[in-house]
Amino acid sequence: MHSKNTLFIDCKEAVRICDKAQYDEAGLWEKFKLRLHHAYCSSCRKHSVKNGELTKLCDKANLKCMDPAKKKALKDEIRSACSKES
């Protein structure tokens, strides 16, 4: 992992910061380093754009996690149906 004082970051670090920024967990210094990285790395710039689009689509879809009890019941139902077909 890079030192916090390193100005230039590699693509792996840029992706990590991009993911943090997506959830508003990246600090100001990290965001600055990410913007600097995007200035010379088109691949990471495209990744950030696609990541942002995915976040907007998920927010728009209002996705919810399935309740664990319902998930288990559904799994059991599927297993039961598959065992009957065998």
PDB file of N, CA and C in Angstrom:
ATOM      1  N   MET A   1       0.853  -1.179   0.000  1.00  0.00           N
ATOM      2  CA  MET A   1       0.000   0.000   0.000  1.00  0.00           C
ATOM      3  C   MET A   1       0.894   1.236   0.000  1.00  0.00           C
ATOM      4  N   HIS A   2       0.401   2.291  -0.544  1.00  0.00           N
ATOM      5  CA  HIS A   2       1.166   3.518  -0.682  1.00  0.00           C
ATOM      6  C   HIS A   2       1.141   4.356   0.579  1.00  0.00           C
ATOM      7  N   SER A   3       2.177   5.134   0.723  1.00  0.00           N
ATOM      8  CA  SER A   3       2.224   6.092   1.823  1.00  0.00           C
ATOM      9  C   SER A   3       1.170   7.165   1.591  1.00  0.00           C
ATOM     10  N   LYS A   4       0.615   7.695   2.642  1.00  0.00           N
ATOM     11  CA  LYS A   4      -0.403   8.736   2.513  1.00  0.00           C
ATOM     12  C   LYS A   4       0.154   9.998   1.868  1.00  0.00           C
ATOM     13  N   ASN A   5       1.485  10.186   1.926  1.00  0.00           N
ATOM     14  CA  ASN A   5       2.100  11.384   1.372  1.00  0.00           C
ATOM     15  C   ASN A   5       2.461  11.244  -0.099  1.00  0.00           C
ATOM     16  N   THR A   6       2.310  10.052  -0.682  1.00  0.00           N
ATOM     17  CA  THR A   6       2.629   9.848  -2.083  1.00  0.00           C
ATOM     18  C   THR A   6       1.589  10.551  -2.943  1.00  0.00           C
ATOM     19  N   LEU A   7       2.077  11.401  -3.827  1.00  0.00           N
ATOM     20  CA  LEU A   7       1.163  12.173  -4.672  1.00  0.00           C
ATOM     21  C   LEU A   7       0.640  11.337  -5.831  1.00  0.00           C
ATOM     22  N   PHE A   8       1.531  10.567  -6.465  1.00  0.00           N
ATOM     23  CA  PHE A   8       1.120   9.758  -7.603  1.00  0.00           C
ATOM     24  C   PHE A   8       0.809   8.343  -7.140  1.00  0.00           C
ATOM     25  N   ILE A   9      -0.315   7.839  -7.590  1.00  0.00           N
ATOM     26  CA  ILE A   9      -0.779   6.511  -7.185  1.00  0.00           C
ATOM     27  C   ILE A   9      -0.872   5.616  -8.404  1.00  0.00           C
ATOM     28  N   ASP A  10      -0.850   4.300  -8.167  1.00  0.00           N
ATOM     29  CA  ASP A  10      -1.011   3.366  -9.275  1.00  0.00           C
ATOM     30  C   ASP A  10      -2.506   3.082  -9.485  1.00  0.00           C
ATOM     31  N   CYS A  11      -2.784   2.312 -10.506  1.00  0.00           N
ATOM     32  CA  CYS A  11      -4.186   2.041 -10.857  1.00  0.00           C
ATOM     33  C   CYS A  11      -4.920   1.266  -9.762  1.00  0.00           C
ATOM     34  N   LYS A  12      -4.226   0.357  -9.097  1.00  0.00           N
ATOM     35  CA  LYS A  12      -4.857  -0.415  -8.023  1.00  0.00           C
ATOM     36  C   LYS A  12      -5.327   0.501  -6.896  1.00  0.00           C
ATOM     37  N   GLU A  13      -4.477   1.444  -6.531  1.00  0.00           N
ATOM     38  CA  GLU A  13      -4.837   2.404  -5.488  1.00  0.00           C
ATOM     39  C   GLU A  13      -5.962   3.326  -5.976  1.00  0.00           C
ATOM     40  N   ALA A  14      -5.927   3.693  -7.251  1.00  0.00           N
ATOM     41  CA  ALA A  14      -6.970   4.558  -7.812  1.00  0.00           C
ATOM     42  C   ALA A  14      -8.340   3.881  -7.747  1.00  0.00           C
ATOM     43  N   VAL A  15      -8.372   2.591  -8.038  1.00  0.00           N
ATOM     44  CA  VAL A  15      -9.637   1.847  -7.974  1.00  0.00           C
ATOM     45  C   VAL A  15     -10.138   1.788  -6.529  1.00  0.00           C
ATOM     46  N   ARG A  16      -9.222   1.569  -5.589  1.00  0.00           N
ATOM     47  CA  ARG A  16      -9.601   1.522  -4.174  1.00  0.00           C
ATOM     48  C   ARG A  16     -10.202   2.857  -3.729  1.00  0.00           C
ATOM     49  N   ILE A  17      -9.559   3.942  -4.125  1.00  0.00           N
ATOM     50  CA  ILE A  17     -10.061   5.275  -3.750  1.00  0.00           C
ATOM     51  C   ILE A  17     -11.375   5.564  -4.461  1.00  0.00           C
ATOM     52  N   CYS A  18     -11.483   5.148  -5.709  1.00  0.00           N
ATOM     53  CA  CYS A  18     -12.730   5.343  -6.463  1.00  0.00           C
ATOM     54  C   CYS A  18     -13.895   4.664  -5.737  1.00  0.00           C
ATOM     55  N   ASP A  19     -13.666   3.444  -5.280  1.00  0.00           N
ATOM     56  CA  ASP A  19     -14.713   2.722  -4.554  1.00  0.00           C
ATOM     57  C   ASP A  19     -15.080   3.435  -3.255  1.00  0.00           C
ATOM     58  N   LYS A  20     -14.076   3.935  -2.542  1.00  0.00           N
ATOM     59  CA  LYS A  20     -14.349   4.688  -1.315  1.00  0.00           C
ATOM     60  C   LYS A  20     -15.124   5.963  -1.626  1.00  0.00           C
ATOM     61  N   ALA A  21     -14.743   6.653  -2.691  1.00  0.00           N
ATOM     62  CA  ALA A  21     -15.407   7.903  -3.065  1.00  0.00           C
ATOM     63  C   ALA A  21     -16.872   7.653  -3.438  1.00  0.00           C
ATOM     64  N   GLN A  22     -17.121   6.495  -4.031  1.00  0.00           N
ATOM     65  CA  GLN A  22     -18.481   6.140  -4.428  1.00  0.00           C
ATOM     66  C   GLN A  22     -19.422   6.131  -3.227  1.00  0.00           C
ATOM     67  N   TYR A  23     -18.898   5.780  -2.063  1.00  0.00           N
ATOM     68  CA  TYR A  23     -19.711   5.709  -0.853  1.00  0.00           C
ATOM     69  C   TYR A  23     -19.401   6.848   0.114  1.00  0.00           C
ATOM     70  N   ASP A  24     -18.827   7.916  -0.410  1.00  0.00           N
ATOM     71  CA  ASP A  24     -18.474   9.109   0.372  1.00  0.00           C
ATOM     72  C   ASP A  24     -17.580   8.775   1.565  1.00  0.00           C
ATOM     73  N   GLU A  25     -16.653   7.837   1.374  1.00  0.00           N
ATOM     74  CA  GLU A  25     -15.729   7.446   2.430  1.00  0.00           C
ATOM     75  C   GLU A  25     -14.301   7.918   2.151  1.00  0.00           C
ATOM     76  N   ALA A  26     -14.061   8.523   0.997  1.00  0.00           N
ATOM     77  CA  ALA A  26     -12.718   8.990   0.641  1.00  0.00           C
ATOM     78  C   ALA A  26     -12.492  10.389   1.194  1.00  0.00           C
ATOM     79  N   GLY A  27     -11.285  10.597   1.701  1.00  0.00           N
ATOM     80  CA  GLY A  27     -10.933  11.909   2.228  1.00  0.00           C
ATOM     81  C   GLY A  27     -10.558  12.873   1.113  1.00  0.00           C
ATOM     82  N   LEU A  28     -10.399  14.128   1.470  1.00  0.00           N
ATOM     83  CA  LEU A  28     -10.067  15.176   0.508  1.00  0.00           C
ATOM     84  C   LEU A  28      -8.744  14.878  -0.196  1.00  0.00           C
ATOM     85  N   TRP A  29      -7.719  14.456   0.559  1.00  0.00           N
ATOM     86  CA  TRP A  29      -6.413  14.158  -0.034  1.00  0.00           C
ATOM     87  C   TRP A  29      -6.514  12.984  -0.998  1.00  0.00           C
ATOM     88  N   GLU A  30      -7.292  11.946  -0.645  1.00  0.00           N
ATOM     89  CA  GLU A  30      -7.480  10.806  -1.542  1.00  0.00           C
ATOM     90  C   GLU A  30      -8.184  11.235  -2.823  1.00  0.00           C
ATOM     91  N   LYS A  31      -9.198  12.054  -2.689  1.00  0.00           N
ATOM     92  CA  LYS A  31      -9.920  12.529  -3.876  1.00  0.00           C
ATOM     93  C   LYS A  31      -9.007  13.343  -4.783  1.00  0.00           C
ATOM     94  N   PHE A  32      -8.131  14.141  -4.179  1.00  0.00           N
ATOM     95  CA  PHE A  32      -7.189  14.926  -4.962  1.00  0.00           C
ATOM     96  C   PHE A  32      -6.247  14.005  -5.737  1.00  0.00           C
ATOM     97  N   LYS A  33      -5.696  12.983  -5.063  1.00  0.00           N
ATOM     98  CA  LYS A  33      -4.793  12.049  -5.720  1.00  0.00           C
ATOM     99  C   LYS A  33      -5.511  11.296  -6.839  1.00  0.00           C
ATOM    100  N   LEU A  34      -6.781  10.967  -6.627  1.00  0.00           N
ATOM    101  CA  LEU A  34      -7.566  10.275  -7.653  1.00  0.00           C
ATOM    102  C   LEU A  34      -7.754  11.173  -8.872  1.00  0.00           C
ATOM    103  N   ARG A  35      -8.065  12.433  -8.646  1.00  0.00           N
ATOM    104  CA  ARG A  35      -8.225  13.370  -9.764  1.00  0.00           C
ATOM    105  C   ARG A  35      -6.917  13.534 -10.533  1.00  0.00           C
ATOM    106  N   LEU A  36      -5.825  13.596  -9.820  1.00  0.00           N
ATOM    107  CA  LEU A  36      -4.515  13.698 -10.463  1.00  0.00           C
ATOM    108  C   LEU A  36      -4.243  12.446 -11.298  1.00  0.00           C
ATOM    109  N   HIS A  37      -4.544  11.290 -10.754  1.00  0.00           N
ATOM    110  CA  HIS A  37      -4.361  10.032 -11.482  1.00  0.00           C
ATOM    111  C   HIS A  37      -5.235  10.016 -12.738  1.00  0.00           C
ATOM    112  N   HIS A  38      -6.461  10.490 -12.620  1.00  0.00           N
ATOM    113  CA  HIS A  38      -7.371  10.529 -13.773  1.00  0.00           C
ATOM    114  C   HIS A  38      -6.864  11.450 -14.878  1.00  0.00           C
ATOM    115  N   ALA A  39      -6.055  12.428 -14.506  1.00  0.00           N
ATOM    116  CA  ALA A  39      -5.523  13.366 -15.500  1.00  0.00           C
ATOM    117  C   ALA A  39      -4.627  12.656 -16.518  1.00  0.00           C
ATOM    118  N   TYR A  40      -3.996  11.550 -16.112  1.00  0.00           N
ATOM    119  CA  TYR A  40      -3.100  10.863 -17.040  1.00  0.00           C
ATOM    120  C   TYR A  40      -3.479   9.406 -17.306  1.00  0.00           C
ATOM    121  N   CYS A  41      -4.520   8.902 -16.684  1.00  0.00           N
ATOM    122  CA  CYS A  41      -4.902   7.501 -16.878  1.00  0.00           C
ATOM    123  C   CYS A  41      -6.350   7.410 -17.366  1.00  0.00           C
ATOM    124  N   SER A  42      -6.501   7.207 -18.652  1.00  0.00           N
ATOM    125  CA  SER A  42      -7.852   7.152 -19.220  1.00  0.00           C
ATOM    126  C   SER A  42      -8.620   5.906 -18.783  1.00  0.00           C
ATOM    127  N   SER A  43      -7.909   4.802 -18.531  1.00  0.00           N
ATOM    128  CA  SER A  43      -8.595   3.573 -18.097  1.00  0.00           C
ATOM    129  C   SER A  43      -9.283   3.773 -16.751  1.00  0.00           C
ATOM    130  N   CYS A  44      -8.582   4.372 -15.808  1.00  0.00           N
ATOM    131  CA  CYS A  44      -9.170   4.605 -14.489  1.00  0.00           C
ATOM    132  C   CYS A  44     -10.249   5.681 -14.552  1.00  0.00           C
ATOM    133  N   ARG A  45     -10.077   6.640 -15.431  1.00  0.00           N
ATOM    134  CA  ARG A  45     -11.087   7.684 -15.618  1.00  0.00           C
ATOM    135  C   ARG A  45     -12.382   7.035 -16.105  1.00  0.00           C
ATOM    136  N   LYS A  46     -12.268   6.118 -17.084  1.00  0.00           N
ATOM    137  CA  LYS A  46     -13.446   5.408 -17.602  1.00  0.00           C
ATOM    138  C   LYS A  46     -14.071   4.533 -16.525  1.00  0.00           C
ATOM    139  N   HIS A  47     -13.211   3.877 -15.717  1.00  0.00           N
ATOM    140  CA  HIS A  47     -13.722   3.047 -14.624  1.00  0.00           C
ATOM    141  C   HIS A  47     -14.552   3.886 -13.656  1.00  0.00           C
ATOM    142  N   SER A  48     -14.063   5.064 -13.320  1.00  0.00           N
ATOM    143  CA  SER A  48     -14.781   5.936 -12.384  1.00  0.00           C
ATOM    144  C   SER A  48     -16.132   6.370 -12.948  1.00  0.00           C
ATOM    145  N   VAL A  49     -16.151   6.660 -14.231  1.00  0.00           N
ATOM    146  CA  VAL A  49     -17.414   7.056 -14.870  1.00  0.00           C
ATOM    147  C   VAL A  49     -18.406   5.904 -14.813  1.00  0.00           C
ATOM    148  N   LYS A  50     -17.949   4.705 -15.187  1.00  0.00           N
ATOM    149  CA  LYS A  50     -18.830   3.531 -15.166  1.00  0.00           C
ATOM    150  C   LYS A  50     -19.286   3.198 -13.737  1.00  0.00           C
ATOM    151  N   ASN A  51     -18.386   3.347 -12.788  1.00  0.00           N
ATOM    152  CA  ASN A  51     -18.716   3.109 -11.388  1.00  0.00           C
ATOM    153  C   ASN A  51     -19.816   4.073 -10.926  1.00  0.00           C
ATOM    154  N   GLY A  52     -19.691   5.331 -11.309  1.00  0.00           N
ATOM    155  CA  GLY A  52     -20.700   6.329 -10.969  1.00  0.00           C
ATOM    156  C   GLY A  52     -22.043   6.038 -11.611  1.00  0.00           C
ATOM    157  N   GLU A  53     -22.007   5.599 -12.868  1.00  0.00           N
ATOM    158  CA  GLU A  53     -23.250   5.252 -13.561  1.00  0.00           C
ATOM    159  C   GLU A  53     -23.942   4.074 -12.880  1.00  0.00           C
ATOM    160  N   LEU A  54     -23.157   3.077 -12.471  1.00  0.00           N
ATOM    161  CA  LEU A  54     -23.717   1.916 -11.784  1.00  0.00           C
ATOM    162  C   LEU A  54     -24.370   2.327 -10.468  1.00  0.00           C
ATOM    163  N   THR A  55     -23.712   3.190  -9.732  1.00  0.00           N
ATOM    164  CA  THR A  55     -24.264   3.672  -8.464  1.00  0.00           C
ATOM    165  C   THR A  55     -25.589   4.389  -8.684  1.00  0.00           C
ATOM    166  N   LYS A  56     -25.635   5.245  -9.696  1.00  0.00           N
ATOM    167  CA  LYS A  56     -26.880   5.972  -9.989  1.00  0.00           C
ATOM    168  C   LYS A  56     -28.002   5.014 -10.377  1.00  0.00           C
ATOM    169  N   LEU A  57     -27.682   3.997 -11.180  1.00  0.00           N
ATOM    170  CA  LEU A  57     -28.699   3.025 -11.584  1.00  0.00           C
ATOM    171  C   LEU A  57     -29.206   2.227 -10.388  1.00  0.00           C
ATOM    172  N   CYS A  58     -28.300   1.841  -9.499  1.00  0.00           N
ATOM    173  CA  CYS A  58     -28.709   1.090  -8.304  1.00  0.00           C
ATOM    174  C   CYS A  58     -29.575   1.955  -7.396  1.00  0.00           C
ATOM    175  N   ASP A  59     -29.196   3.223  -7.242  1.00  0.00           N
ATOM    176  CA  ASP A  59     -30.007   4.139  -6.429  1.00  0.00           C
ATOM    177  C   ASP A  59     -31.381   4.331  -7.047  1.00  0.00           C
ATOM    178  N   LYS A  60     -31.418   4.492  -8.368  1.00  0.00           N
ATOM    179  CA  LYS A  60     -32.682   4.698  -9.075  1.00  0.00           C
ATOM    180  C   LYS A  60     -33.580   3.466  -8.968  1.00  0.00           C
ATOM    181  N   ALA A  61     -32.973   2.285  -8.990  1.00  0.00           N
ATOM    182  CA  ALA A  61     -33.733   1.040  -8.910  1.00  0.00           C
ATOM    183  C   ALA A  61     -34.247   0.774  -7.500  1.00  0.00           C
ATOM    184  N   ASN A  62     -33.709   1.526  -6.519  1.00  0.00           N
ATOM    185  CA  ASN A  62     -34.128   1.376  -5.129  1.00  0.00           C
ATOM    186  C   ASN A  62     -34.000  -0.083  -4.667  1.00  0.00           C
ATOM    187  N   LEU A  63     -32.823  -0.670  -4.942  1.00  0.00           N
ATOM    188  CA  LEU A  63     -32.575  -2.062  -4.610  1.00  0.00           C
ATOM    189  C   LEU A  63     -32.561  -2.278  -3.099  1.00  0.00           C
ATOM    190  N   LYS A  64     -33.107  -3.380  -2.697  1.00  0.00           N
ATOM    191  CA  LYS A  64     -33.147  -3.751  -1.282  1.00  0.00           C
ATOM    192  C   LYS A  64     -32.586  -5.161  -1.143  1.00  0.00           C
ATOM    193  N   CYS A  65     -31.966  -5.440  -0.020  1.00  0.00           N
ATOM    194  CA  CYS A  65     -31.484  -6.792   0.275  1.00  0.00           C
ATOM    195  C   CYS A  65     -32.662  -7.637   0.737  1.00  0.00           C
ATOM    196  N   MET A  66     -32.587  -8.900   0.389  1.00  0.00           N
ATOM    197  CA  MET A  66     -33.636  -9.810   0.811  1.00  0.00           C
ATOM    198  C   MET A  66     -33.447 -10.145   2.290  1.00  0.00           C
ATOM    199  N   ASP A  67     -34.538 -10.207   3.003  1.00  0.00           N
ATOM    200  CA  ASP A  67     -34.526 -10.597   4.407  1.00  0.00           C
ATOM    201  C   ASP A  67     -33.903 -11.990   4.518  1.00  0.00           C
ATOM    202  N   PRO A  68     -32.954 -12.192   5.435  1.00  0.00           N
ATOM    203  CA  PRO A  68     -32.277 -13.495   5.548  1.00  0.00           C
ATOM    204  C   PRO A  68     -33.229 -14.682   5.719  1.00  0.00           C
ATOM    205  N   ALA A  69     -34.298 -14.505   6.458  1.00  0.00           N
ATOM    206  CA  ALA A  69     -35.250 -15.604   6.655  1.00  0.00           C
ATOM    207  C   ALA A  69     -35.949 -15.950   5.337  1.00  0.00           C
ATOM    208  N   LYS A  70     -36.331 -14.913   4.572  1.00  0.00           N
ATOM    209  CA  LYS A  70     -36.969 -15.153   3.275  1.00  0.00           C
ATOM    210  C   LYS A  70     -35.988 -15.801   2.302  1.00  0.00           C
ATOM    211  N   LYS A  71     -34.725 -15.373   2.368  1.00  0.00           N
ATOM    212  CA  LYS A  71     -33.694 -15.939   1.492  1.00  0.00           C
ATOM    213  C   LYS A  71     -33.520 -17.431   1.782  1.00  0.00           C
ATOM    214  N   LYS A  72     -33.467 -17.793   3.058  1.00  0.00           N
ATOM    215  CA  LYS A  72     -33.319 -19.197   3.431  1.00  0.00           C
ATOM    216  C   LYS A  72     -34.536 -20.006   2.976  1.00  0.00           C
ATOM    217  N   ALA A  73     -35.726 -19.454   3.156  1.00  0.00           N
ATOM    218  CA  ALA A  73     -36.940 -20.151   2.738  1.00  0.00           C
ATOM    219  C   ALA A  73     -36.944 -20.367   1.227  1.00  0.00           C
ATOM    220  N   LEU A  74     -36.505 -19.368   0.472  1.00  0.00           N
ATOM    221  CA  LEU A  74     -36.449 -19.487  -0.982  1.00  0.00           C
ATOM    222  C   LEU A  74     -35.434 -20.543  -1.399  1.00  0.00           C
ATOM    223  N   LYS A  75     -34.266 -20.555  -0.757  1.00  0.00           N
ATOM    224  CA  LYS A  75     -33.245 -21.577  -1.048  1.00  0.00           C
ATOM    225  C   LYS A  75     -33.794 -22.971  -0.776  1.00  0.00           C
ATOM    226  N   ASP A  76     -34.468 -23.125   0.363  1.00  0.00           N
ATOM    227  CA  ASP A  76     -35.039 -24.422   0.711  1.00  0.00           C
ATOM    228  C   ASP A  76     -36.078 -24.854  -0.317  1.00  0.00           C
ATOM    229  N   GLU A  77     -36.889 -23.926  -0.764  1.00  0.00           N
ATOM    230  CA  GLU A  77     -37.907 -24.217  -1.781  1.00  0.00           C
ATOM    231  C   GLU A  77     -37.274 -24.643  -3.087  1.00  0.00           C
ATOM    232  N   ILE A  78     -36.213 -23.968  -3.479  1.00  0.00           N
ATOM    233  CA  ILE A  78     -35.521 -24.320  -4.725  1.00  0.00           C
ATOM    234  C   ILE A  78     -34.869 -25.698  -4.613  1.00  0.00           C
ATOM    235  N   ARG A  79     -34.215 -25.954  -3.479  1.00  0.00           N
ATOM    236  CA  ARG A  79     -33.594 -27.281  -3.267  1.00  0.00           C
ATOM    237  C   ARG A  79     -34.644 -28.378  -3.306  1.00  0.00           C
ATOM    238  N   SER A  80     -35.777 -28.120  -2.692  1.00  0.00           N
ATOM    239  CA  SER A  80     -36.858 -29.107  -2.670  1.00  0.00           C
ATOM    240  C   SER A  80     -37.369 -29.386  -4.076  1.00  0.00           C
ATOM    241  N   ALA A  81     -37.560 -28.323  -4.846  1.00  0.00           N
ATOM    242  CA  ALA A  81     -38.055 -28.474  -6.220  1.00  0.00           C
ATOM    243  C   ALA A  81     -37.021 -29.218  -7.085  1.00  0.00           C
ATOM    244  N   CYS A  82     -35.748 -28.924  -6.881  1.00  0.00           N
ATOM    245  CA  CYS A  82     -34.699 -29.598  -7.656  1.00  0.00           C
ATOM    246  C   CYS A  82     -34.582 -31.068  -7.286  1.00  0.00           C
ATOM    247  N   SER A  83     -34.750 -31.387  -6.029  1.00  0.00           N
ATOM    248  CA  SER A  83     -34.652 -32.797  -5.603  1.00  0.00           C
ATOM    249  C   SER A  83     -35.839 -33.609  -6.133  1.00  0.00           C
ATOM    250  N   LYS A  84     -36.998 -32.986  -6.292  1.00  0.00           N
ATOM    251  CA  LYS A  84     -38.166 -33.672  -6.829  1.00  0.00           C
ATOM    252  C   LYS A  84     -37.977 -33.995  -8.319  1.00  0.00           C
ATOM    253  N   GLU A  85     -37.229 -33.130  -9.037  1.00  0.00           N
ATOM    254  CA  GLU A  85     -36.987 -33.329 -10.468  1.00  0.00           C
ATOM    255  C   GLU A  85     -35.950 -34.420 -10.719  1.00  0.00           C
ATOM    256  N   SER A  86     -35.117 -34.723  -9.713  1.00  0.00           N
ATOM    257  CA  SER A  86     -34.020 -35.698  -9.913  1.00  0.00           C
ATOM    258  C   SER A  86     -34.512 -37.114  -9.935  1.00  0.00           C
TER     259      SER A  86
END
